[in-house]
Amino acid sequence: MPSTRRATDIGLALPAAVLAPVASVIRRDDAARWLRARAASTPIVAKLVTAPFWLLLIARGVLYPVFGADDLEHSWGGPTLLGAWAVHLLIGIALLAAVSVLLAMATRDAAASST
C-alpha cells in the first residue's frame, strides 16, 4: 500500500507547480521552495493524469454555482444550491483522491521493479 504522503504529493503536484511561480512573485520564498519540492518529487505523468480531475474539481466542484445552478431540481444534492454544490465538490475530491492513490501505487510498483 502506498504512503498517504506519496498519494498527497501526487494529487497536489499540479497545483504546486502552478502556485510555485506565484509564490516567488509575491516574495514568499519558503512557500515557493516547498511548492517546487512537491512538484519536483512527482513524475510528469502524475501531473498529466491528474490534470483532468483538477479541471473537473474546479469546474464542477468549486465553480458549480457558476456553471450548473440553472436547474437544481435535477441536480445531485439538489434542490438547494448548497446541497448541489457540496455533492459536486465531494465527488470531485473523491475522484482526485482515488486517482492519486492509484498513481502512487503504480509508481511505487514501477520503482520497485526497476531496482
N, C-alpha and C. Protein backbone atom coordinates (compact mmCIF):
# COMPACT_ATOMS: atom_id res chain seq x y z
N MET A 1 0.84 -1.18 0.00
CA MET A 1 0.00 0.00 0.00
C MET A 1 0.89 1.24 0.00
N PRO A 2 0.59 2.24 -0.83
CA PRO A 2 1.42 3.44 -0.88
C PRO A 2 1.20 4.30 0.36
N SER A 3 2.20 5.12 0.63
CA SER A 3 2.05 6.01 1.77
C SER A 3 1.06 7.13 1.44
N THR A 4 0.43 7.63 2.47
CA THR A 4 -0.51 8.75 2.30
C THR A 4 0.24 9.96 1.78
N ARG A 5 1.46 10.15 2.23
CA ARG A 5 2.26 11.30 1.79
C ARG A 5 2.52 11.23 0.29
N ARG A 6 2.84 10.06 -0.23
CA ARG A 6 3.10 9.90 -1.67
C ARG A 6 1.84 10.22 -2.48
N ALA A 7 0.71 9.70 -2.05
CA ALA A 7 -0.54 9.97 -2.76
C ALA A 7 -0.90 11.46 -2.69
N THR A 8 -0.66 12.08 -1.55
CA THR A 8 -0.92 13.52 -1.41
C THR A 8 -0.01 14.33 -2.31
N ASP A 9 1.28 13.96 -2.35
CA ASP A 9 2.22 14.66 -3.24
C ASP A 9 1.79 14.56 -4.69
N ILE A 10 1.32 13.39 -5.11
CA ILE A 10 0.87 13.21 -6.49
C ILE A 10 -0.38 14.05 -6.75
N GLY A 11 -1.32 14.02 -5.84
CA GLY A 11 -2.55 14.77 -6.02
C GLY A 11 -2.33 16.28 -6.05
N LEU A 12 -1.35 16.76 -5.31
CA LEU A 12 -1.11 18.20 -5.23
C LEU A 12 0.02 18.68 -6.13
N ALA A 13 0.62 17.80 -6.93
CA ALA A 13 1.76 18.18 -7.76
C ALA A 13 1.41 19.26 -8.78
N LEU A 14 0.28 19.13 -9.44
CA LEU A 14 -0.09 20.11 -10.46
C LEU A 14 -0.36 21.49 -9.86
N PRO A 15 -1.19 21.62 -8.81
CA PRO A 15 -1.36 22.96 -8.25
C PRO A 15 -0.06 23.50 -7.64
N ALA A 16 0.79 22.63 -7.11
CA ALA A 16 2.07 23.09 -6.57
C ALA A 16 2.93 23.68 -7.67
N ALA A 17 2.95 23.02 -8.84
CA ALA A 17 3.73 23.52 -9.97
C ALA A 17 3.18 24.86 -10.46
N VAL A 18 1.87 25.04 -10.40
CA VAL A 18 1.25 26.29 -10.85
C VAL A 18 1.47 27.40 -9.82
N LEU A 19 1.40 27.07 -8.54
CA LEU A 19 1.48 28.09 -7.49
C LEU A 19 2.91 28.48 -7.12
N ALA A 20 3.90 27.65 -7.44
CA ALA A 20 5.29 27.99 -7.09
C ALA A 20 5.74 29.30 -7.70
N PRO A 21 5.54 29.55 -9.00
CA PRO A 21 5.93 30.85 -9.54
C PRO A 21 5.15 32.01 -8.93
N VAL A 22 3.89 31.78 -8.59
CA VAL A 22 3.09 32.83 -7.96
C VAL A 22 3.69 33.19 -6.60
N ALA A 23 4.08 32.18 -5.84
CA ALA A 23 4.70 32.42 -4.53
C ALA A 23 6.02 33.17 -4.67
N SER A 24 6.77 32.90 -5.74
CA SER A 24 8.02 33.62 -5.98
C SER A 24 7.76 35.08 -6.28
N VAL A 25 6.73 35.35 -7.09
CA VAL A 25 6.41 36.73 -7.47
C VAL A 25 5.99 37.54 -6.26
N ILE A 26 5.22 36.94 -5.36
CA ILE A 26 4.78 37.70 -4.18
C ILE A 26 5.78 37.58 -3.03
N ARG A 27 6.98 37.10 -3.35
CA ARG A 27 8.11 37.04 -2.42
C ARG A 27 7.86 36.16 -1.19
N ARG A 28 7.26 35.04 -1.44
CA ARG A 28 7.09 34.03 -0.39
C ARG A 28 8.06 32.89 -0.71
N ASP A 29 9.35 33.13 -0.44
CA ASP A 29 10.39 32.20 -0.87
C ASP A 29 10.28 30.83 -0.21
N ASP A 30 9.94 30.79 1.08
CA ASP A 30 9.79 29.49 1.75
C ASP A 30 8.66 28.69 1.12
N ALA A 31 7.55 29.35 0.86
CA ALA A 31 6.42 28.67 0.23
C ALA A 31 6.77 28.22 -1.18
N ALA A 32 7.46 29.07 -1.93
CA ALA A 32 7.86 28.71 -3.29
C ALA A 32 8.79 27.50 -3.28
N ARG A 33 9.72 27.46 -2.35
CA ARG A 33 10.64 26.32 -2.24
C ARG A 33 9.89 25.04 -1.91
N TRP A 34 8.95 25.14 -0.97
CA TRP A 34 8.16 23.98 -0.58
C TRP A 34 7.31 23.48 -1.74
N LEU A 35 6.67 24.41 -2.44
CA LEU A 35 5.83 24.04 -3.59
C LEU A 35 6.66 23.42 -4.70
N ARG A 36 7.84 23.98 -4.98
CA ARG A 36 8.71 23.41 -6.02
C ARG A 36 9.15 22.00 -5.66
N ALA A 37 9.44 21.77 -4.37
CA ALA A 37 9.84 20.43 -3.93
C ALA A 37 8.70 19.44 -4.13
N ARG A 38 7.47 19.84 -3.81
CA ARG A 38 6.31 18.96 -4.02
C ARG A 38 6.13 18.66 -5.51
N ALA A 39 6.24 19.67 -6.33
CA ALA A 39 6.04 19.50 -7.77
C ALA A 39 7.15 18.65 -8.38
N ALA A 40 8.38 18.83 -7.91
CA ALA A 40 9.52 18.10 -8.48
C ALA A 40 9.56 16.64 -8.03
N SER A 41 8.93 16.33 -6.92
CA SER A 41 9.01 14.96 -6.39
C SER A 41 8.08 13.98 -7.10
N THR A 42 7.29 14.47 -8.04
CA THR A 42 6.36 13.59 -8.75
C THR A 42 6.67 13.59 -10.24
N PRO A 43 6.46 12.46 -10.89
CA PRO A 43 6.71 12.40 -12.33
C PRO A 43 5.70 13.24 -13.12
N ILE A 44 6.10 13.66 -14.30
CA ILE A 44 5.24 14.48 -15.16
C ILE A 44 3.95 13.74 -15.50
N VAL A 45 4.03 12.42 -15.58
CA VAL A 45 2.84 11.62 -15.88
C VAL A 45 1.76 11.84 -14.81
N ALA A 46 2.17 11.98 -13.56
CA ALA A 46 1.20 12.21 -12.49
C ALA A 46 0.49 13.55 -12.70
N LYS A 47 1.23 14.55 -13.12
CA LYS A 47 0.62 15.86 -13.36
C LYS A 47 -0.35 15.79 -14.54
N LEU A 48 0.04 15.08 -15.58
CA LEU A 48 -0.82 14.96 -16.76
C LEU A 48 -2.09 14.16 -16.47
N VAL A 49 -1.95 13.10 -15.69
CA VAL A 49 -3.11 12.26 -15.40
C VAL A 49 -4.07 12.96 -14.44
N THR A 50 -3.54 13.70 -13.48
CA THR A 50 -4.43 14.36 -12.52
C THR A 50 -5.01 15.67 -13.06
N ALA A 51 -4.47 16.21 -14.14
CA ALA A 51 -4.95 17.49 -14.68
C ALA A 51 -6.45 17.47 -15.01
N PRO A 52 -6.97 16.45 -15.70
CA PRO A 52 -8.41 16.46 -15.98
C PRO A 52 -9.27 16.40 -14.71
N PHE A 53 -8.77 15.72 -13.69
CA PHE A 53 -9.52 15.63 -12.45
C PHE A 53 -9.50 16.96 -11.70
N TRP A 54 -8.40 17.72 -11.81
CA TRP A 54 -8.36 19.07 -11.24
C TRP A 54 -9.33 19.98 -11.97
N LEU A 55 -9.39 19.85 -13.31
CA LEU A 55 -10.36 20.65 -14.06
C LEU A 55 -11.79 20.32 -13.65
N LEU A 56 -12.07 19.03 -13.48
CA LEU A 56 -13.39 18.60 -13.03
C LEU A 56 -13.69 19.15 -11.65
N LEU A 57 -12.72 19.07 -10.76
CA LEU A 57 -12.91 19.56 -9.40
C LEU A 57 -13.18 21.06 -9.38
N ILE A 58 -12.47 21.80 -10.20
CA ILE A 58 -12.67 23.26 -10.23
C ILE A 58 -13.99 23.61 -10.91
N ALA A 59 -14.23 23.03 -12.08
CA ALA A 59 -15.42 23.40 -12.86
C ALA A 59 -16.71 22.90 -12.23
N ARG A 60 -16.74 21.66 -11.80
CA ARG A 60 -17.99 21.09 -11.28
C ARG A 60 -18.06 21.11 -9.76
N GLY A 61 -16.93 21.35 -9.10
CA GLY A 61 -16.94 21.40 -7.65
C GLY A 61 -16.93 22.82 -7.13
N VAL A 62 -15.83 23.49 -7.28
CA VAL A 62 -15.68 24.83 -6.73
C VAL A 62 -16.58 25.83 -7.44
N LEU A 63 -16.61 25.79 -8.77
CA LEU A 63 -17.38 26.77 -9.54
C LEU A 63 -18.74 26.25 -9.97
N TYR A 64 -19.27 25.24 -9.29
CA TYR A 64 -20.54 24.65 -9.70
C TYR A 64 -21.67 25.68 -9.80
N PRO A 65 -21.81 26.59 -8.85
CA PRO A 65 -22.93 27.54 -8.98
C PRO A 65 -22.84 28.40 -10.24
N VAL A 66 -21.65 28.64 -10.75
CA VAL A 66 -21.50 29.45 -11.96
C VAL A 66 -21.95 28.66 -13.18
N PHE A 67 -21.61 27.36 -13.23
CA PHE A 67 -21.85 26.56 -14.43
C PHE A 67 -23.13 25.73 -14.39
N GLY A 68 -23.63 25.38 -13.21
CA GLY A 68 -24.73 24.44 -13.19
C GLY A 68 -25.89 24.79 -12.30
N ALA A 69 -25.98 26.01 -11.84
CA ALA A 69 -27.03 26.35 -10.88
C ALA A 69 -28.36 26.70 -11.54
N ASP A 70 -28.48 26.52 -12.85
CA ASP A 70 -29.72 26.90 -13.52
C ASP A 70 -30.86 25.91 -13.27
N ASP A 71 -30.54 24.63 -13.06
CA ASP A 71 -31.59 23.63 -12.85
C ASP A 71 -31.21 22.74 -11.67
N LEU A 72 -31.44 23.19 -10.46
CA LEU A 72 -31.06 22.44 -9.26
C LEU A 72 -32.00 21.29 -8.96
N GLU A 73 -33.20 21.32 -9.50
CA GLU A 73 -34.18 20.29 -9.20
C GLU A 73 -33.70 18.90 -9.62
N HIS A 74 -32.95 18.82 -10.71
CA HIS A 74 -32.47 17.54 -11.22
C HIS A 74 -30.98 17.34 -10.97
N SER A 75 -30.43 18.10 -10.09
CA SER A 75 -29.01 18.03 -9.80
C SER A 75 -28.75 17.11 -8.61
N TRP A 76 -27.60 16.44 -8.61
CA TRP A 76 -27.22 15.63 -7.46
C TRP A 76 -27.07 16.56 -6.27
N GLY A 77 -27.70 16.26 -5.18
CA GLY A 77 -27.62 17.08 -3.99
C GLY A 77 -28.66 18.18 -3.95
N GLY A 78 -29.42 18.37 -5.06
CA GLY A 78 -30.45 19.41 -5.11
C GLY A 78 -31.57 19.05 -4.17
N PRO A 79 -32.52 19.87 -4.02
CA PRO A 79 -32.92 21.05 -4.77
C PRO A 79 -32.31 22.36 -4.26
N THR A 80 -31.43 22.33 -3.25
CA THR A 80 -30.82 23.59 -2.81
C THR A 80 -29.46 23.76 -3.45
N LEU A 81 -29.04 24.99 -3.62
CA LEU A 81 -27.74 25.28 -4.20
C LEU A 81 -26.62 24.74 -3.32
N LEU A 82 -26.72 24.89 -2.01
CA LEU A 82 -25.67 24.42 -1.11
C LEU A 82 -25.51 22.91 -1.19
N GLY A 83 -26.61 22.17 -1.23
CA GLY A 83 -26.54 20.72 -1.33
C GLY A 83 -25.93 20.28 -2.64
N ALA A 84 -26.34 20.88 -3.74
CA ALA A 84 -25.79 20.52 -5.06
C ALA A 84 -24.30 20.86 -5.13
N TRP A 85 -23.92 22.01 -4.63
CA TRP A 85 -22.51 22.42 -4.65
C TRP A 85 -21.67 21.45 -3.82
N ALA A 86 -22.15 21.12 -2.61
CA ALA A 86 -21.40 20.23 -1.72
C ALA A 86 -21.22 18.84 -2.33
N VAL A 87 -22.27 18.29 -2.93
CA VAL A 87 -22.17 16.96 -3.52
C VAL A 87 -21.20 16.96 -4.71
N HIS A 88 -21.27 17.95 -5.58
CA HIS A 88 -20.35 18.00 -6.72
C HIS A 88 -18.91 18.20 -6.27
N LEU A 89 -18.68 19.01 -5.25
CA LEU A 89 -17.33 19.21 -4.73
C LEU A 89 -16.79 17.92 -4.11
N LEU A 90 -17.59 17.24 -3.32
CA LEU A 90 -17.14 15.99 -2.69
C LEU A 90 -16.85 14.90 -3.71
N ILE A 91 -17.65 14.82 -4.76
CA ILE A 91 -17.39 13.83 -5.81
C ILE A 91 -16.05 14.13 -6.50
N GLY A 92 -15.80 15.40 -6.78
CA GLY A 92 -14.52 15.78 -7.39
C GLY A 92 -13.33 15.46 -6.51
N ILE A 93 -13.45 15.74 -5.22
CA ILE A 93 -12.36 15.44 -4.28
C ILE A 93 -12.14 13.93 -4.19
N ALA A 94 -13.21 13.16 -4.13
CA ALA A 94 -13.09 11.70 -4.05
C ALA A 94 -12.43 11.13 -5.30
N LEU A 95 -12.81 11.62 -6.48
CA LEU A 95 -12.19 11.15 -7.72
C LEU A 95 -10.70 11.49 -7.77
N LEU A 96 -10.36 12.71 -7.39
CA LEU A 96 -8.95 13.12 -7.39
C LEU A 96 -8.15 12.29 -6.40
N ALA A 97 -8.70 12.03 -5.23
CA ALA A 97 -8.01 11.20 -4.24
C ALA A 97 -7.82 9.78 -4.74
N ALA A 98 -8.85 9.21 -5.36
CA ALA A 98 -8.74 7.84 -5.88
C ALA A 98 -7.68 7.74 -6.96
N VAL A 99 -7.65 8.69 -7.88
CA VAL A 99 -6.64 8.68 -8.94
C VAL A 99 -5.25 8.86 -8.35
N SER A 100 -5.10 9.71 -7.35
CA SER A 100 -3.80 9.93 -6.72
C SER A 100 -3.29 8.67 -6.03
N VAL A 101 -4.18 7.96 -5.35
CA VAL A 101 -3.78 6.71 -4.69
C VAL A 101 -3.39 5.67 -5.73
N LEU A 102 -4.17 5.55 -6.81
CA LEU A 102 -3.83 4.59 -7.86
C LEU A 102 -2.48 4.91 -8.50
N LEU A 103 -2.23 6.18 -8.76
CA LEU A 103 -0.94 6.57 -9.32
C LEU A 103 0.20 6.32 -8.35
N ALA A 104 -0.02 6.55 -7.07
CA ALA A 104 1.01 6.27 -6.07
C ALA A 104 1.33 4.79 -6.03
N MET A 105 0.29 3.95 -6.14
CA MET A 105 0.52 2.51 -6.18
C MET A 105 1.27 2.09 -7.43
N ALA A 106 0.89 2.67 -8.58
CA ALA A 106 1.53 2.31 -9.85
C ALA A 106 2.98 2.76 -9.89
N THR A 107 3.27 3.95 -9.40
CA THR A 107 4.65 4.43 -9.45
C THR A 107 5.50 3.71 -8.42
N ARG A 108 4.90 3.31 -7.30
CA ARG A 108 5.65 2.52 -6.32
C ARG A 108 6.03 1.18 -6.89
N ASP A 109 5.07 0.52 -7.57
CA ASP A 109 5.34 -0.78 -8.18
C ASP A 109 6.37 -0.65 -9.30
N ALA A 110 6.30 0.41 -10.08
CA ALA A 110 7.27 0.61 -11.16
C ALA A 110 8.65 0.88 -10.59
N ALA A 111 8.74 1.65 -9.51
CA ALA A 111 10.05 1.94 -8.91
C ALA A 111 10.63 0.67 -8.27
N ALA A 112 9.78 -0.16 -7.67
CA ALA A 112 10.25 -1.39 -7.04
C ALA A 112 10.75 -2.39 -8.08
N SER A 113 10.11 -2.45 -9.23
CA SER A 113 10.52 -3.42 -10.25
C SER A 113 11.75 -2.97 -11.02
N SER A 114 12.06 -1.68 -11.02
CA SER A 114 13.23 -1.20 -11.75
C SER A 114 14.52 -1.36 -10.95
N THR A 115 14.42 -1.69 -9.66
CA THR A 115 15.64 -1.85 -8.85
C THR A 115 16.07 -3.26 -8.77
